[in-house]
């Protein structure tokens, strides 16, 4: 049986995921195991030389990072400009709070070769 708290958490997560998509994040093909079971949903948003990535494995197991293109965000040792993990709502709120201005400045620098 699903509790009302679980339903509210799922609704809150869904609202935040729609906000991610509205900000330009795109859902990649779902990650499945060999039996076809869903393992993770991954949303990405590339910007010039960086990529924002959100990986949802469970309501309480979500990771996000801002990494250079080509970096493996799943490797915790990989260089990241920003990284977080936690519950869906907490992580998604942090991703939604990332400043767009810094993305624009970095993209402009990359275009200018700086």
N, C-alpha and C. Protein backbone atom coordinates (compact mmCIF):
# COMPACT_ATOMS: atom_id res chain seq x y z
N UNK A 1 0.84 -1.17 0.00
CA UNK A 1 0.00 0.00 0.00
C UNK A 1 0.89 1.25 0.00
N UNK A 2 0.55 2.21 -0.80
CA UNK A 2 1.31 3.45 -0.90
C UNK A 2 0.75 4.48 0.07
N UNK A 3 1.63 5.08 0.88
CA UNK A 3 1.18 6.08 1.83
C UNK A 3 1.00 7.42 1.13
N UNK A 4 0.24 8.32 1.77
CA UNK A 4 0.02 9.64 1.18
C UNK A 4 1.32 10.44 1.12
N UNK A 5 2.24 10.18 2.06
CA UNK A 5 3.53 10.86 2.06
C UNK A 5 4.34 10.44 0.83
N UNK A 6 4.32 9.13 0.49
CA UNK A 6 5.03 8.65 -0.69
C UNK A 6 4.46 9.26 -1.96
N UNK A 7 3.14 9.36 -2.04
CA UNK A 7 2.50 9.95 -3.21
C UNK A 7 2.87 11.43 -3.32
N UNK A 8 2.87 12.15 -2.21
CA UNK A 8 3.26 13.56 -2.23
C UNK A 8 4.70 13.74 -2.68
N UNK A 9 5.60 12.86 -2.21
CA UNK A 9 7.00 12.93 -2.62
C UNK A 9 7.14 12.68 -4.11
N UNK A 10 6.39 11.70 -4.63
CA UNK A 10 6.44 11.40 -6.06
C UNK A 10 5.90 12.58 -6.86
N UNK A 11 4.81 13.19 -6.42
CA UNK A 11 4.26 14.35 -7.11
C UNK A 11 5.26 15.50 -7.10
N UNK A 12 5.90 15.74 -5.96
CA UNK A 12 6.88 16.82 -5.84
C UNK A 12 8.07 16.55 -6.77
N UNK A 13 8.51 15.31 -6.86
CA UNK A 13 9.61 14.95 -7.75
C UNK A 13 9.21 15.16 -9.20
N UNK A 14 8.00 14.77 -9.55
CA UNK A 14 7.51 14.92 -10.93
C UNK A 14 7.47 16.38 -11.34
N UNK A 15 7.04 17.23 -10.44
CA UNK A 15 6.99 18.67 -10.73
C UNK A 15 8.40 19.19 -11.01
N UNK A 16 9.36 18.78 -10.19
CA UNK A 16 10.74 19.22 -10.38
C UNK A 16 11.34 18.66 -11.68
N UNK A 17 11.01 17.43 -12.03
CA UNK A 17 11.50 16.86 -13.29
C UNK A 17 10.94 17.64 -14.49
N UNK A 18 9.69 18.05 -14.41
CA UNK A 18 9.12 18.87 -15.49
C UNK A 18 9.84 20.22 -15.58
N UNK A 19 10.23 20.77 -14.44
CA UNK A 19 11.00 22.02 -14.45
C UNK A 19 12.38 21.81 -15.09
N UNK A 20 13.00 20.65 -14.83
CA UNK A 20 14.28 20.34 -15.47
C UNK A 20 14.13 20.34 -16.99
N UNK A 21 13.10 19.67 -17.47
CA UNK A 21 12.86 19.60 -18.91
C UNK A 21 12.61 20.99 -19.48
N UNK A 22 11.87 21.80 -18.74
CA UNK A 22 11.60 23.17 -19.20
C UNK A 22 12.89 23.99 -19.28
N UNK A 23 13.90 23.62 -18.50
CA UNK A 23 15.20 24.30 -18.52
C UNK A 23 16.16 23.73 -19.55
N UNK A 24 15.70 22.77 -20.33
CA UNK A 24 16.54 22.25 -21.39
C UNK A 24 17.15 20.88 -21.15
N UNK A 25 16.85 20.25 -20.03
CA UNK A 25 17.35 18.90 -19.78
C UNK A 25 16.58 17.93 -20.67
N UNK A 26 17.28 16.92 -21.17
CA UNK A 26 16.66 15.91 -22.02
C UNK A 26 16.86 14.54 -21.39
N UNK A 27 15.79 13.74 -21.43
CA UNK A 27 15.84 12.39 -20.90
C UNK A 27 16.54 11.48 -21.90
N UNK A 28 17.56 10.79 -21.44
CA UNK A 28 18.29 9.83 -22.26
C UNK A 28 17.52 8.51 -22.25
N UNK A 29 17.87 7.57 -23.13
CA UNK A 29 17.22 6.26 -23.07
C UNK A 29 17.41 5.65 -21.68
N UNK A 30 16.36 5.06 -21.12
CA UNK A 30 16.46 4.50 -19.76
C UNK A 30 17.55 3.44 -19.66
N UNK A 31 18.21 3.39 -18.51
CA UNK A 31 19.23 2.38 -18.24
C UNK A 31 18.52 1.17 -17.67
N UNK A 32 18.72 0.03 -18.32
CA UNK A 32 18.06 -1.21 -17.88
C UNK A 32 19.10 -2.30 -17.63
N UNK A 33 18.74 -3.24 -16.75
CA UNK A 33 19.64 -4.37 -16.52
C UNK A 33 19.40 -5.43 -17.60
N UNK A 34 20.08 -6.55 -17.50
CA UNK A 34 19.98 -7.59 -18.53
C UNK A 34 18.58 -8.20 -18.62
N UNK A 35 17.79 -8.08 -17.56
CA UNK A 35 16.43 -8.59 -17.58
C UNK A 35 15.42 -7.55 -18.04
N UNK A 36 15.90 -6.36 -18.38
CA UNK A 36 15.01 -5.30 -18.84
C UNK A 36 14.43 -4.44 -17.73
N UNK A 37 14.83 -4.70 -16.50
CA UNK A 37 14.34 -3.91 -15.37
C UNK A 37 14.97 -2.52 -15.40
N UNK A 38 14.17 -1.51 -15.12
CA UNK A 38 14.65 -0.14 -15.09
C UNK A 38 15.65 0.05 -13.95
N UNK A 39 16.83 0.56 -14.29
CA UNK A 39 17.87 0.81 -13.29
C UNK A 39 18.01 2.29 -12.98
N UNK A 40 17.87 3.14 -14.02
CA UNK A 40 18.07 4.58 -13.80
C UNK A 40 17.48 5.38 -14.95
N UNK A 41 17.11 6.61 -14.61
CA UNK A 41 16.74 7.61 -15.60
C UNK A 41 17.82 8.67 -15.56
N UNK A 42 18.29 9.08 -16.72
CA UNK A 42 19.36 10.07 -16.78
C UNK A 42 18.91 11.25 -17.64
N UNK A 43 19.02 12.43 -17.06
CA UNK A 43 18.71 13.68 -17.76
C UNK A 43 20.01 14.43 -17.98
N UNK A 44 20.19 14.99 -19.17
CA UNK A 44 21.41 15.74 -19.47
C UNK A 44 21.07 17.08 -20.10
N UNK A 45 21.96 18.05 -19.88
CA UNK A 45 21.84 19.37 -20.50
C UNK A 45 23.25 19.85 -20.82
N UNK A 46 23.64 19.78 -22.11
CA UNK A 46 24.98 20.24 -22.49
C UNK A 46 25.02 21.75 -22.69
N UNK A 47 26.18 22.34 -22.37
CA UNK A 47 26.45 23.76 -22.57
C UNK A 47 27.90 23.87 -23.02
N UNK A 48 28.12 24.23 -24.23
CA UNK A 48 29.49 24.42 -24.74
C UNK A 48 30.41 23.31 -24.25
N UNK A 49 31.29 23.61 -23.28
CA UNK A 49 32.27 22.63 -22.83
C UNK A 49 31.88 21.91 -21.55
N UNK A 50 30.66 22.12 -21.05
CA UNK A 50 30.22 21.43 -19.83
C UNK A 50 28.87 20.75 -20.06
N UNK A 51 28.57 19.79 -19.17
CA UNK A 51 27.31 19.06 -19.23
C UNK A 51 26.77 18.94 -17.81
N UNK A 52 25.49 19.25 -17.64
CA UNK A 52 24.80 19.00 -16.37
C UNK A 52 24.12 17.65 -16.52
N UNK A 53 24.29 16.78 -15.51
CA UNK A 53 23.74 15.42 -15.57
C UNK A 53 23.02 15.13 -14.27
N UNK A 54 21.83 14.51 -14.39
CA UNK A 54 21.06 14.06 -13.23
C UNK A 54 20.74 12.59 -13.45
N UNK A 55 21.10 11.75 -12.49
CA UNK A 55 20.82 10.32 -12.57
C UNK A 55 19.90 9.94 -11.42
N UNK A 56 18.70 9.46 -11.76
CA UNK A 56 17.72 9.03 -10.76
C UNK A 56 17.68 7.51 -10.74
N UNK A 57 18.09 6.93 -9.61
CA UNK A 57 18.07 5.47 -9.47
C UNK A 57 16.92 5.03 -8.56
N UNK A 58 16.53 5.89 -7.64
CA UNK A 58 15.41 5.66 -6.74
C UNK A 58 15.04 7.01 -6.14
N UNK A 59 13.89 7.08 -5.51
CA UNK A 59 13.43 8.34 -4.92
C UNK A 59 14.45 8.89 -3.91
N UNK A 60 15.18 7.99 -3.26
CA UNK A 60 16.17 8.42 -2.27
C UNK A 60 17.61 8.18 -2.74
N UNK A 61 17.79 7.98 -4.03
CA UNK A 61 19.12 7.71 -4.58
C UNK A 61 19.28 8.44 -5.91
N UNK A 62 19.64 9.71 -5.81
CA UNK A 62 19.78 10.56 -7.00
C UNK A 62 21.14 11.24 -6.93
N UNK A 63 21.80 11.31 -8.08
CA UNK A 63 23.10 12.00 -8.18
C UNK A 63 23.01 13.03 -9.28
N UNK A 64 23.75 14.11 -9.11
CA UNK A 64 23.82 15.14 -10.14
C UNK A 64 25.23 15.72 -10.15
N UNK A 65 25.62 16.20 -11.34
CA UNK A 65 26.95 16.78 -11.46
C UNK A 65 26.99 17.74 -12.63
N UNK A 66 27.91 18.68 -12.56
CA UNK A 66 28.26 19.56 -13.67
C UNK A 66 29.71 19.22 -14.01
N UNK A 67 29.91 18.62 -15.18
CA UNK A 67 31.23 18.11 -15.56
C UNK A 67 31.63 18.61 -16.94
N UNK A 68 32.90 18.50 -17.24
CA UNK A 68 33.39 18.82 -18.57
C UNK A 68 32.90 17.76 -19.54
N UNK A 69 32.69 18.17 -20.78
CA UNK A 69 32.28 17.19 -21.80
C UNK A 69 33.30 16.06 -21.84
N UNK A 70 32.81 14.86 -21.96
CA UNK A 70 33.69 13.70 -22.04
C UNK A 70 34.06 13.10 -20.70
N UNK A 71 33.81 13.81 -19.61
CA UNK A 71 34.12 13.27 -18.28
C UNK A 71 33.06 12.25 -17.89
N UNK A 72 33.45 11.27 -17.10
CA UNK A 72 32.52 10.26 -16.61
C UNK A 72 31.97 10.73 -15.28
N UNK A 73 30.76 11.27 -15.30
CA UNK A 73 30.20 11.83 -14.07
C UNK A 73 29.94 10.75 -13.03
N UNK A 74 29.84 9.50 -13.42
CA UNK A 74 29.59 8.42 -12.47
C UNK A 74 30.82 8.07 -11.65
N UNK A 75 31.98 8.47 -12.13
CA UNK A 75 33.22 8.24 -11.40
C UNK A 75 33.40 9.37 -10.40
N UNK A 76 33.24 9.06 -9.12
CA UNK A 76 33.34 10.09 -8.09
C UNK A 76 34.71 10.74 -8.02
N UNK A 77 35.70 10.12 -8.65
CA UNK A 77 37.05 10.69 -8.68
C UNK A 77 37.22 11.65 -9.86
N UNK A 78 36.27 11.61 -10.81
CA UNK A 78 36.38 12.49 -11.98
C UNK A 78 36.20 13.94 -11.55
N UNK A 79 36.92 14.83 -12.22
CA UNK A 79 36.83 16.25 -11.90
C UNK A 79 35.44 16.77 -12.25
N UNK A 80 34.83 17.43 -11.32
CA UNK A 80 33.50 18.01 -11.53
C UNK A 80 33.51 19.44 -11.00
N UNK A 81 32.79 20.30 -11.68
CA UNK A 81 32.67 21.67 -11.19
C UNK A 81 31.70 21.72 -10.02
N UNK A 82 30.79 20.75 -10.00
CA UNK A 82 29.78 20.68 -8.94
C UNK A 82 29.25 19.26 -8.91
N UNK A 83 28.95 18.75 -7.73
CA UNK A 83 28.43 17.39 -7.60
C UNK A 83 27.61 17.30 -6.33
N UNK A 84 26.52 16.51 -6.37
CA UNK A 84 25.71 16.29 -5.18
C UNK A 84 25.00 14.95 -5.30
N UNK A 85 24.48 14.46 -4.17
CA UNK A 85 23.72 13.21 -4.15
C UNK A 85 22.76 13.27 -2.98
N UNK A 86 21.66 12.53 -3.09
CA UNK A 86 20.69 12.50 -2.01
C UNK A 86 19.32 12.10 -2.52
N UNK A 87 18.30 12.61 -1.86
CA UNK A 87 16.93 12.29 -2.26
C UNK A 87 16.54 13.11 -3.50
N UNK A 88 15.53 12.64 -4.20
CA UNK A 88 15.13 13.28 -5.46
C UNK A 88 14.84 14.77 -5.29
N UNK A 89 13.98 15.13 -4.37
CA UNK A 89 13.60 16.54 -4.23
C UNK A 89 14.80 17.40 -3.83
N UNK A 90 15.62 16.91 -2.91
CA UNK A 90 16.79 17.70 -2.49
C UNK A 90 17.75 17.94 -3.64
N UNK A 91 18.08 16.88 -4.37
CA UNK A 91 19.03 17.01 -5.48
C UNK A 91 18.44 17.86 -6.60
N UNK A 92 17.19 17.61 -6.95
CA UNK A 92 16.57 18.37 -8.04
C UNK A 92 16.47 19.85 -7.68
N UNK A 93 16.18 20.16 -6.43
CA UNK A 93 16.15 21.58 -6.01
C UNK A 93 17.53 22.22 -6.19
N UNK A 94 18.59 21.49 -5.85
CA UNK A 94 19.94 22.03 -6.01
C UNK A 94 20.27 22.24 -7.49
N UNK A 95 19.88 21.30 -8.34
CA UNK A 95 20.14 21.44 -9.77
C UNK A 95 19.38 22.64 -10.33
N UNK A 96 18.13 22.77 -9.93
CA UNK A 96 17.32 23.89 -10.41
C UNK A 96 17.85 25.24 -9.91
N UNK A 97 18.60 25.21 -8.81
CA UNK A 97 19.17 26.44 -8.26
C UNK A 97 20.52 26.81 -8.87
N UNK A 98 21.08 25.93 -9.69
CA UNK A 98 22.37 26.25 -10.31
C UNK A 98 22.24 27.52 -11.14
N UNK A 99 23.18 28.42 -11.03
CA UNK A 99 23.09 29.68 -11.77
C UNK A 99 23.31 29.51 -13.27
N UNK A 100 22.38 30.02 -14.04
CA UNK A 100 22.50 29.98 -15.49
C UNK A 100 23.60 30.92 -15.98
N UNK A 101 23.79 32.03 -15.30
CA UNK A 101 24.76 33.04 -15.71
C UNK A 101 26.16 32.44 -15.85
N UNK A 102 26.55 31.57 -14.93
CA UNK A 102 27.87 30.96 -15.01
C UNK A 102 27.99 30.07 -16.24
N UNK A 103 26.91 29.42 -16.60
CA UNK A 103 26.92 28.58 -17.80
C UNK A 103 27.17 29.46 -19.02
N UNK A 104 26.49 30.59 -19.10
CA UNK A 104 26.63 31.50 -20.23
C UNK A 104 28.05 32.04 -20.32
N UNK A 105 28.62 32.43 -19.19
CA UNK A 105 29.98 32.96 -19.17
C UNK A 105 30.96 31.90 -19.64
N UNK A 106 30.83 30.68 -19.16
CA UNK A 106 31.73 29.60 -19.57
C UNK A 106 31.57 29.32 -21.06
N UNK A 107 30.34 29.31 -21.55
CA UNK A 107 30.11 29.04 -22.97
C UNK A 107 30.73 30.16 -23.82
N UNK A 108 30.60 31.38 -23.39
CA UNK A 108 31.17 32.51 -24.13
C UNK A 108 32.69 32.41 -24.14
N UNK A 109 33.29 32.08 -23.01
CA UNK A 109 34.74 31.93 -22.94
C UNK A 109 35.22 30.84 -23.89
N UNK A 110 34.45 29.75 -23.94
CA UNK A 110 34.84 28.65 -24.83
C UNK A 110 34.77 29.09 -26.28
N UNK A 111 33.78 29.88 -26.63
CA UNK A 111 33.65 30.36 -28.00
C UNK A 111 34.78 31.32 -28.37
N UNK A 112 35.23 32.10 -27.39
CA UNK A 112 36.30 33.04 -27.61
C UNK A 112 37.68 32.41 -27.48
N UNK A 113 37.71 31.13 -27.08
CA UNK A 113 38.99 30.44 -26.94
C UNK A 113 39.76 30.83 -25.70
N UNK A 114 39.07 31.27 -24.68
CA UNK A 114 39.73 31.69 -23.44
C UNK A 114 39.68 30.59 -22.40
